[in-house]
């Protein structure tokens, strides 16, 4: 009889543990939805996306879809406009401007002008006040 009691107690403890873990995951998901902002799909975001697409087309650069720009940049420009001249943004740029090798084989490469022009266009539409900071960084790059 004690074997059955221990087994049922073990099953009950397992069910309680699973319920607690599931509740924790649900609460974390709700918290993440509240805390982490998402890009806003509204008329301002669509207008800025259209301006960006038009400017990219005028420059002869490839254009992403309007929905992609609205979702990633929203109304405030998202990540590119947070601190375009800051250390983190420069590190991301410098990492992208390498030959793609790992560890000791990483070497800088000459920058494709189109990549830098596209970033400048995005900054000019979404956060023109930050454009000068990016241009100072851009002027120090070597182009192909």
N, C-alpha and C. Protein backbone atom coordinates (compact mmCIF):
# COMPACT_ATOMS: atom_id res chain seq x y z
N UNK A 1 0.81 -1.19 0.00
CA UNK A 1 0.00 0.00 0.00
C UNK A 1 0.86 1.26 0.00
N UNK A 2 1.97 1.21 0.68
CA UNK A 2 2.82 2.39 0.72
C UNK A 2 3.45 2.68 -0.64
N UNK A 3 3.63 1.65 -1.46
CA UNK A 3 4.19 1.86 -2.79
C UNK A 3 3.22 2.67 -3.64
N UNK A 4 1.94 2.37 -3.57
CA UNK A 4 0.94 3.12 -4.32
C UNK A 4 0.87 4.56 -3.83
N UNK A 5 0.98 4.77 -2.56
CA UNK A 5 0.92 6.11 -2.00
C UNK A 5 2.13 6.93 -2.45
N UNK A 6 3.31 6.31 -2.45
CA UNK A 6 4.50 7.02 -2.90
C UNK A 6 4.41 7.35 -4.39
N UNK A 7 3.87 6.44 -5.17
CA UNK A 7 3.73 6.69 -6.60
C UNK A 7 2.75 7.82 -6.86
N UNK A 8 1.63 7.84 -6.17
CA UNK A 8 0.66 8.92 -6.37
C UNK A 8 1.21 10.25 -5.88
N UNK A 9 1.98 10.23 -4.80
CA UNK A 9 2.59 11.46 -4.31
C UNK A 9 3.62 11.97 -5.32
N UNK A 10 4.36 11.05 -5.91
CA UNK A 10 5.35 11.42 -6.92
C UNK A 10 4.67 12.03 -8.14
N UNK A 11 3.57 11.41 -8.59
CA UNK A 11 2.81 11.95 -9.72
C UNK A 11 2.25 13.32 -9.41
N UNK A 12 1.74 13.49 -8.19
CA UNK A 12 1.17 14.78 -7.79
C UNK A 12 2.26 15.86 -7.78
N UNK A 13 3.42 15.52 -7.27
CA UNK A 13 4.53 16.49 -7.25
C UNK A 13 4.96 16.86 -8.67
N UNK A 14 4.96 15.88 -9.56
CA UNK A 14 5.33 16.15 -10.95
C UNK A 14 4.31 17.07 -11.61
N UNK A 15 3.03 16.83 -11.37
CA UNK A 15 1.99 17.68 -11.95
C UNK A 15 2.11 19.10 -11.42
N UNK A 16 2.38 19.23 -10.13
CA UNK A 16 2.54 20.57 -9.54
C UNK A 16 3.75 21.27 -10.15
N UNK A 17 4.85 20.54 -10.31
CA UNK A 17 6.05 21.13 -10.91
C UNK A 17 5.77 21.60 -12.33
N UNK A 18 5.12 20.78 -13.14
CA UNK A 18 4.79 21.16 -14.51
C UNK A 18 3.86 22.36 -14.55
N UNK A 19 2.92 22.41 -13.63
CA UNK A 19 1.99 23.55 -13.58
C UNK A 19 2.73 24.83 -13.23
N UNK A 20 3.66 24.75 -12.30
CA UNK A 20 4.44 25.94 -11.91
C UNK A 20 5.31 26.40 -13.08
N UNK A 21 5.95 25.47 -13.77
CA UNK A 21 6.80 25.83 -14.91
C UNK A 21 5.96 26.44 -16.04
N UNK A 22 4.81 25.85 -16.33
CA UNK A 22 3.94 26.39 -17.38
C UNK A 22 3.46 27.78 -17.02
N UNK A 23 3.09 27.99 -15.77
CA UNK A 23 2.65 29.31 -15.32
C UNK A 23 3.78 30.32 -15.45
N UNK A 24 4.99 29.92 -15.10
CA UNK A 24 6.14 30.83 -15.22
C UNK A 24 6.37 31.22 -16.67
N UNK A 25 6.28 30.27 -17.59
CA UNK A 25 6.46 30.59 -19.01
C UNK A 25 5.38 31.53 -19.52
N UNK A 26 4.15 31.30 -19.12
CA UNK A 26 3.05 32.17 -19.54
C UNK A 26 3.27 33.58 -19.00
N UNK A 27 3.65 33.69 -17.73
CA UNK A 27 3.89 35.01 -17.14
C UNK A 27 5.07 35.71 -17.82
N UNK A 28 6.12 34.98 -18.15
CA UNK A 28 7.25 35.58 -18.86
C UNK A 28 6.85 36.05 -20.25
N UNK A 29 6.02 35.29 -20.93
CA UNK A 29 5.57 35.70 -22.27
C UNK A 29 4.73 36.97 -22.19
N UNK A 30 3.84 37.04 -21.21
CA UNK A 30 3.02 38.24 -21.04
C UNK A 30 3.90 39.43 -20.70
N UNK A 31 4.86 39.23 -19.81
CA UNK A 31 5.78 40.31 -19.42
C UNK A 31 6.57 40.80 -20.64
N UNK A 32 7.04 39.87 -21.48
CA UNK A 32 7.81 40.27 -22.67
C UNK A 32 6.97 41.08 -23.64
N UNK A 33 5.71 40.70 -23.80
CA UNK A 33 4.83 41.46 -24.69
C UNK A 33 4.59 42.87 -24.18
N UNK A 34 4.55 43.03 -22.88
CA UNK A 34 4.31 44.35 -22.29
C UNK A 34 5.57 45.21 -22.31
N UNK A 35 6.69 44.63 -21.94
CA UNK A 35 7.93 45.39 -21.76
C UNK A 35 8.61 45.74 -23.07
N UNK A 36 8.71 44.80 -23.99
CA UNK A 36 9.45 45.04 -25.22
C UNK A 36 8.54 45.65 -26.27
N UNK A 37 8.88 46.86 -26.71
CA UNK A 37 8.01 47.53 -27.68
C UNK A 37 8.12 46.90 -29.06
N UNK A 38 7.07 47.03 -29.80
CA UNK A 38 7.07 46.58 -31.19
C UNK A 38 6.90 47.80 -32.08
N UNK A 39 7.30 47.68 -33.30
CA UNK A 39 7.15 48.79 -34.23
C UNK A 39 5.67 49.07 -34.46
N UNK A 40 5.35 50.34 -34.57
CA UNK A 40 3.97 50.74 -34.73
C UNK A 40 3.61 50.83 -36.20
N UNK A 41 2.52 50.17 -36.57
CA UNK A 41 2.04 50.23 -37.95
C UNK A 41 0.93 51.27 -38.00
N UNK A 42 1.30 52.48 -38.35
CA UNK A 42 0.30 53.54 -38.48
C UNK A 42 0.64 54.38 -39.69
N UNK A 43 -0.10 55.43 -39.88
CA UNK A 43 0.09 56.24 -41.09
C UNK A 43 1.47 56.90 -41.12
N UNK A 44 1.98 57.32 -39.96
CA UNK A 44 3.30 57.96 -39.93
C UNK A 44 4.37 56.95 -40.35
N UNK A 45 4.29 55.73 -39.84
CA UNK A 45 5.27 54.71 -40.21
C UNK A 45 5.20 54.38 -41.69
N UNK A 46 4.00 54.33 -42.24
CA UNK A 46 3.85 54.03 -43.67
C UNK A 46 4.38 55.17 -44.53
N UNK A 47 4.15 56.42 -44.11
CA UNK A 47 4.65 57.57 -44.87
C UNK A 47 6.18 57.57 -44.87
N UNK A 48 6.78 57.32 -43.70
CA UNK A 48 8.24 57.29 -43.63
C UNK A 48 8.81 56.13 -44.44
N UNK A 49 8.13 55.01 -44.43
CA UNK A 49 8.59 53.88 -45.24
C UNK A 49 8.53 54.23 -46.72
N UNK A 50 7.46 54.89 -47.14
CA UNK A 50 7.34 55.31 -48.54
C UNK A 50 8.43 56.31 -48.92
N UNK A 51 8.75 57.24 -48.01
CA UNK A 51 9.82 58.21 -48.27
C UNK A 51 11.16 57.49 -48.41
N UNK A 52 11.39 56.52 -47.55
CA UNK A 52 12.65 55.77 -47.60
C UNK A 52 12.76 54.99 -48.90
N UNK A 53 11.68 54.33 -49.29
CA UNK A 53 11.69 53.56 -50.54
C UNK A 53 11.93 54.48 -51.73
N UNK A 54 11.28 55.64 -51.75
CA UNK A 54 11.48 56.58 -52.86
C UNK A 54 12.92 57.08 -52.90
N UNK A 55 13.49 57.39 -51.74
CA UNK A 55 14.88 57.87 -51.70
C UNK A 55 15.85 56.78 -52.14
N UNK A 56 15.60 55.54 -51.73
CA UNK A 56 16.46 54.44 -52.16
C UNK A 56 16.36 54.22 -53.66
N UNK A 57 15.15 54.30 -54.20
CA UNK A 57 14.97 54.15 -55.65
C UNK A 57 15.67 55.27 -56.41
N UNK A 58 15.56 56.51 -55.90
CA UNK A 58 16.23 57.64 -56.54
C UNK A 58 17.74 57.46 -56.56
N UNK A 59 18.27 56.82 -55.52
CA UNK A 59 19.71 56.58 -55.44
C UNK A 59 20.13 55.35 -56.23
N UNK A 60 19.16 54.63 -56.79
CA UNK A 60 19.47 53.43 -57.56
C UNK A 60 19.82 52.23 -56.70
N UNK A 61 19.33 52.22 -55.47
CA UNK A 61 19.63 51.13 -54.55
C UNK A 61 18.45 50.16 -54.46
N UNK A 62 18.70 48.92 -54.08
CA UNK A 62 17.59 47.98 -53.91
C UNK A 62 16.68 48.43 -52.76
N UNK A 63 15.40 48.15 -52.89
CA UNK A 63 14.45 48.62 -51.88
C UNK A 63 13.76 47.44 -51.20
N UNK A 64 13.65 47.51 -49.88
CA UNK A 64 12.86 46.50 -49.17
C UNK A 64 11.37 46.80 -49.34
N UNK A 65 10.55 45.89 -48.89
CA UNK A 65 9.11 46.11 -49.00
C UNK A 65 8.66 47.14 -47.96
N UNK A 66 7.53 47.74 -48.23
CA UNK A 66 6.98 48.74 -47.32
C UNK A 66 6.67 48.11 -45.97
N UNK A 67 6.09 46.91 -45.99
CA UNK A 67 5.75 46.23 -44.73
C UNK A 67 6.99 45.95 -43.90
N UNK A 68 8.08 45.56 -44.56
CA UNK A 68 9.32 45.29 -43.84
C UNK A 68 9.82 46.54 -43.13
N UNK A 69 9.82 47.67 -43.83
CA UNK A 69 10.28 48.92 -43.21
C UNK A 69 9.37 49.34 -42.07
N UNK A 70 8.06 49.19 -42.25
CA UNK A 70 7.12 49.57 -41.19
C UNK A 70 7.35 48.71 -39.96
N UNK A 71 7.56 47.41 -40.15
CA UNK A 71 7.73 46.51 -39.02
C UNK A 71 9.08 46.68 -38.33
N UNK A 72 10.13 46.95 -39.08
CA UNK A 72 11.45 47.03 -38.46
C UNK A 72 11.82 48.42 -37.97
N UNK A 73 11.39 49.45 -38.68
CA UNK A 73 11.79 50.81 -38.30
C UNK A 73 10.68 51.60 -37.63
N UNK A 74 9.43 51.23 -37.84
CA UNK A 74 8.32 51.91 -37.17
C UNK A 74 8.28 53.39 -37.50
N UNK A 75 8.04 54.20 -36.47
CA UNK A 75 7.97 55.65 -36.66
C UNK A 75 9.26 56.35 -36.23
N UNK A 76 10.06 55.68 -35.38
CA UNK A 76 11.23 56.34 -34.82
C UNK A 76 12.56 55.87 -35.43
N UNK A 77 12.52 54.94 -36.36
CA UNK A 77 13.76 54.49 -36.99
C UNK A 77 14.37 53.27 -36.33
N UNK A 78 13.85 52.86 -35.21
CA UNK A 78 14.34 51.65 -34.55
C UNK A 78 15.81 51.71 -34.18
N UNK A 79 16.49 50.59 -34.32
CA UNK A 79 17.88 50.48 -33.90
C UNK A 79 18.83 51.45 -34.61
N UNK A 80 18.73 51.66 -35.91
CA UNK A 80 19.70 52.57 -36.55
C UNK A 80 19.69 53.98 -35.97
N UNK A 81 18.57 54.43 -35.46
CA UNK A 81 18.48 55.80 -34.96
C UNK A 81 18.77 55.93 -33.47
N UNK A 82 18.98 54.84 -32.77
CA UNK A 82 19.20 54.95 -31.32
C UNK A 82 20.47 55.72 -31.01
N UNK A 83 21.57 55.32 -31.62
CA UNK A 83 22.84 56.01 -31.40
C UNK A 83 23.78 55.66 -32.55
N UNK A 84 23.58 56.26 -33.72
CA UNK A 84 24.35 55.85 -34.90
C UNK A 84 25.84 56.11 -34.79
N UNK A 85 26.25 56.99 -33.92
CA UNK A 85 27.68 57.27 -33.78
C UNK A 85 28.27 56.64 -32.54
N UNK A 86 27.46 55.87 -31.82
CA UNK A 86 27.91 55.27 -30.57
C UNK A 86 28.82 54.07 -30.79
N UNK A 87 29.41 53.62 -29.71
CA UNK A 87 30.38 52.53 -29.79
C UNK A 87 29.74 51.23 -30.28
N UNK A 88 28.53 50.94 -29.83
CA UNK A 88 27.89 49.69 -30.24
C UNK A 88 27.58 49.70 -31.73
N UNK A 89 27.04 50.80 -32.21
CA UNK A 89 26.72 50.90 -33.64
C UNK A 89 27.99 50.81 -34.49
N UNK A 90 29.06 51.46 -34.04
CA UNK A 90 30.32 51.37 -34.78
C UNK A 90 30.85 49.94 -34.78
N UNK A 91 30.71 49.26 -33.65
CA UNK A 91 31.17 47.87 -33.58
C UNK A 91 30.39 46.98 -34.53
N UNK A 92 29.08 47.19 -34.61
CA UNK A 92 28.25 46.41 -35.54
C UNK A 92 28.70 46.69 -36.98
N UNK A 93 28.89 47.95 -37.30
CA UNK A 93 29.33 48.30 -38.66
C UNK A 93 30.68 47.67 -38.96
N UNK A 94 31.63 47.81 -38.03
CA UNK A 94 32.97 47.27 -38.26
C UNK A 94 32.94 45.74 -38.40
N UNK A 95 32.06 45.09 -37.66
CA UNK A 95 31.93 43.65 -37.77
C UNK A 95 31.36 43.25 -39.13
N UNK A 96 30.43 44.03 -39.63
CA UNK A 96 29.84 43.73 -40.93
C UNK A 96 30.79 44.04 -42.09
N UNK A 97 31.76 44.86 -41.83
CA UNK A 97 32.68 45.28 -42.89
C UNK A 97 33.97 44.47 -42.86
N UNK A 98 33.84 43.17 -42.64
CA UNK A 98 35.00 42.29 -42.65
C UNK A 98 34.80 41.23 -43.72
N UNK A 99 35.81 40.39 -43.90
CA UNK A 99 35.76 39.37 -44.95
C UNK A 99 34.92 38.16 -44.57
N UNK A 100 34.41 38.08 -43.37
CA UNK A 100 33.54 36.98 -42.97
C UNK A 100 34.28 35.81 -42.37
N UNK A 101 35.59 35.87 -42.27
CA UNK A 101 36.34 34.78 -41.67
C UNK A 101 36.15 34.80 -40.16
N UNK A 102 36.61 33.77 -39.53
CA UNK A 102 36.49 33.69 -38.08
C UNK A 102 37.88 33.82 -37.43
N UNK A 103 37.90 34.30 -36.22
CA UNK A 103 39.08 34.38 -35.36
C UNK A 103 40.23 35.14 -36.03
N UNK A 104 41.35 34.49 -36.24
CA UNK A 104 42.53 35.21 -36.73
C UNK A 104 42.44 35.60 -38.20
N UNK A 105 41.51 35.04 -38.94
CA UNK A 105 41.38 35.35 -40.35
C UNK A 105 40.56 36.59 -40.64
N UNK A 106 39.98 37.20 -39.62
CA UNK A 106 39.13 38.37 -39.84
C UNK A 106 39.99 39.54 -40.28
N UNK A 107 39.63 40.11 -41.41
CA UNK A 107 40.34 41.28 -41.92
C UNK A 107 39.32 42.29 -42.41
N UNK A 108 39.61 43.56 -42.25
CA UNK A 108 38.69 44.56 -42.80
C UNK A 108 38.71 44.52 -44.32
N UNK A 109 37.63 44.93 -44.89
CA UNK A 109 37.53 44.99 -46.35
C UNK A 109 37.14 46.41 -46.74
N UNK A 110 37.26 46.69 -48.02
CA UNK A 110 36.80 47.98 -48.51
C UNK A 110 35.27 47.98 -48.50
N UNK A 111 34.71 49.08 -48.11
CA UNK A 111 33.27 49.19 -47.93
C UNK A 111 32.57 49.47 -49.26
N UNK A 112 31.48 48.78 -49.49
CA UNK A 112 30.66 49.07 -50.67
C UNK A 112 29.90 50.37 -50.39
N UNK A 113 30.01 51.31 -51.27
CA UNK A 113 29.36 52.62 -51.08
C UNK A 113 27.85 52.50 -50.92
N UNK A 114 27.24 51.55 -51.62
CA UNK A 114 25.78 51.42 -51.56
C UNK A 114 25.29 51.12 -50.15
N UNK A 115 26.05 50.31 -49.42
CA UNK A 115 25.67 49.98 -48.05
C UNK A 115 25.64 51.22 -47.18
N UNK A 116 26.65 52.04 -47.30
CA UNK A 116 26.74 53.26 -46.50
C UNK A 116 25.70 54.28 -46.95
N UNK A 117 25.46 54.38 -48.26
CA UNK A 117 24.45 55.32 -48.75
C UNK A 117 23.06 54.93 -48.27
N UNK A 118 22.77 53.64 -48.23
CA UNK A 118 21.46 53.19 -47.76
C UNK A 118 21.25 53.55 -46.29
N UNK A 119 22.27 53.36 -45.48
CA UNK A 119 22.16 53.72 -44.06
C UNK A 119 21.95 55.22 -43.92
N UNK A 120 22.66 56.02 -44.68
CA UNK A 120 22.49 57.47 -44.61
C UNK A 120 21.09 57.88 -45.04
N UNK A 121 20.52 57.21 -46.01
CA UNK A 121 19.15 57.53 -46.45
C UNK A 121 18.16 57.21 -45.34
N UNK A 122 18.32 56.06 -44.70
CA UNK A 122 17.42 55.70 -43.59
C UNK A 122 17.51 56.73 -42.48
N UNK A 123 18.72 57.13 -42.13
CA UNK A 123 18.89 58.13 -41.07
C UNK A 123 18.32 59.47 -41.48
N UNK A 124 18.45 59.85 -42.75
CA UNK A 124 17.93 61.15 -43.18
C UNK A 124 16.41 61.20 -43.12
N UNK A 125 15.75 60.06 -43.29
CA UNK A 125 14.28 60.03 -43.23
C UNK A 125 13.79 59.91 -41.79
N UNK A 126 14.36 58.99 -41.03
CA UNK A 126 13.83 58.67 -39.71
C UNK A 126 14.40 59.52 -38.59
N UNK A 127 15.66 59.89 -38.68
CA UNK A 127 16.26 60.69 -37.61
C UNK A 127 17.32 61.62 -38.20
N UNK A 128 16.88 62.68 -38.90
CA UNK A 128 17.84 63.57 -39.55
C UNK A 128 18.80 64.24 -38.59
N UNK A 129 18.42 64.38 -37.33
CA UNK A 129 19.31 65.00 -36.35
C UNK A 129 20.52 64.11 -36.05
N UNK A 130 20.43 62.82 -36.32
CA UNK A 130 21.54 61.89 -36.06
C UNK A 130 22.45 61.69 -37.29
N UNK A 131 22.06 62.25 -38.41
CA UNK A 131 22.79 62.02 -39.66
C UNK A 131 24.22 62.54 -39.60
N UNK A 132 24.44 63.68 -39.00
CA UNK A 132 25.79 64.26 -38.93
C UNK A 132 26.74 63.34 -38.17
N UNK A 133 26.26 62.71 -37.12
CA UNK A 133 27.10 61.79 -36.35
C UNK A 133 27.53 60.61 -37.22
N UNK A 134 26.59 60.07 -37.98
CA UNK A 134 26.91 58.95 -38.86
C UNK A 134 27.86 59.39 -39.97
N UNK A 135 27.67 60.58 -40.50
CA UNK A 135 28.52 61.05 -41.59
C UNK A 135 29.97 61.21 -41.14
N UNK A 136 30.18 61.60 -39.88
CA UNK A 136 31.55 61.69 -39.36
C UNK A 136 32.20 60.31 -39.35
N UNK A 137 31.44 59.30 -38.95
CA UNK A 137 31.97 57.93 -38.96
C UNK A 137 32.19 57.46 -40.40
N UNK A 138 31.22 57.75 -41.27
CA UNK A 138 31.28 57.34 -42.67
C UNK A 138 32.50 57.91 -43.37
N UNK A 139 32.87 59.14 -43.06
CA UNK A 139 34.00 59.78 -43.72
C UNK A 139 35.32 59.09 -43.43
N UNK A 140 35.38 58.32 -42.35
CA UNK A 140 36.61 57.61 -42.01
C UNK A 140 36.74 56.25 -42.67
N UNK A 141 35.74 55.82 -43.43
CA UNK A 141 35.78 54.51 -44.07
C UNK A 141 36.50 54.58 -45.42
N UNK A 142 37.07 53.45 -45.83
CA UNK A 142 37.68 53.33 -47.15
C UNK A 142 36.70 52.60 -48.05
N UNK A 143 36.48 53.14 -49.23
CA UNK A 143 35.46 52.60 -50.13
C UNK A 143 36.07 51.82 -51.27
N UNK A 144 35.28 50.87 -51.77
CA UNK A 144 35.73 50.09 -52.93
C UNK A 144 35.38 50.81 -54.21
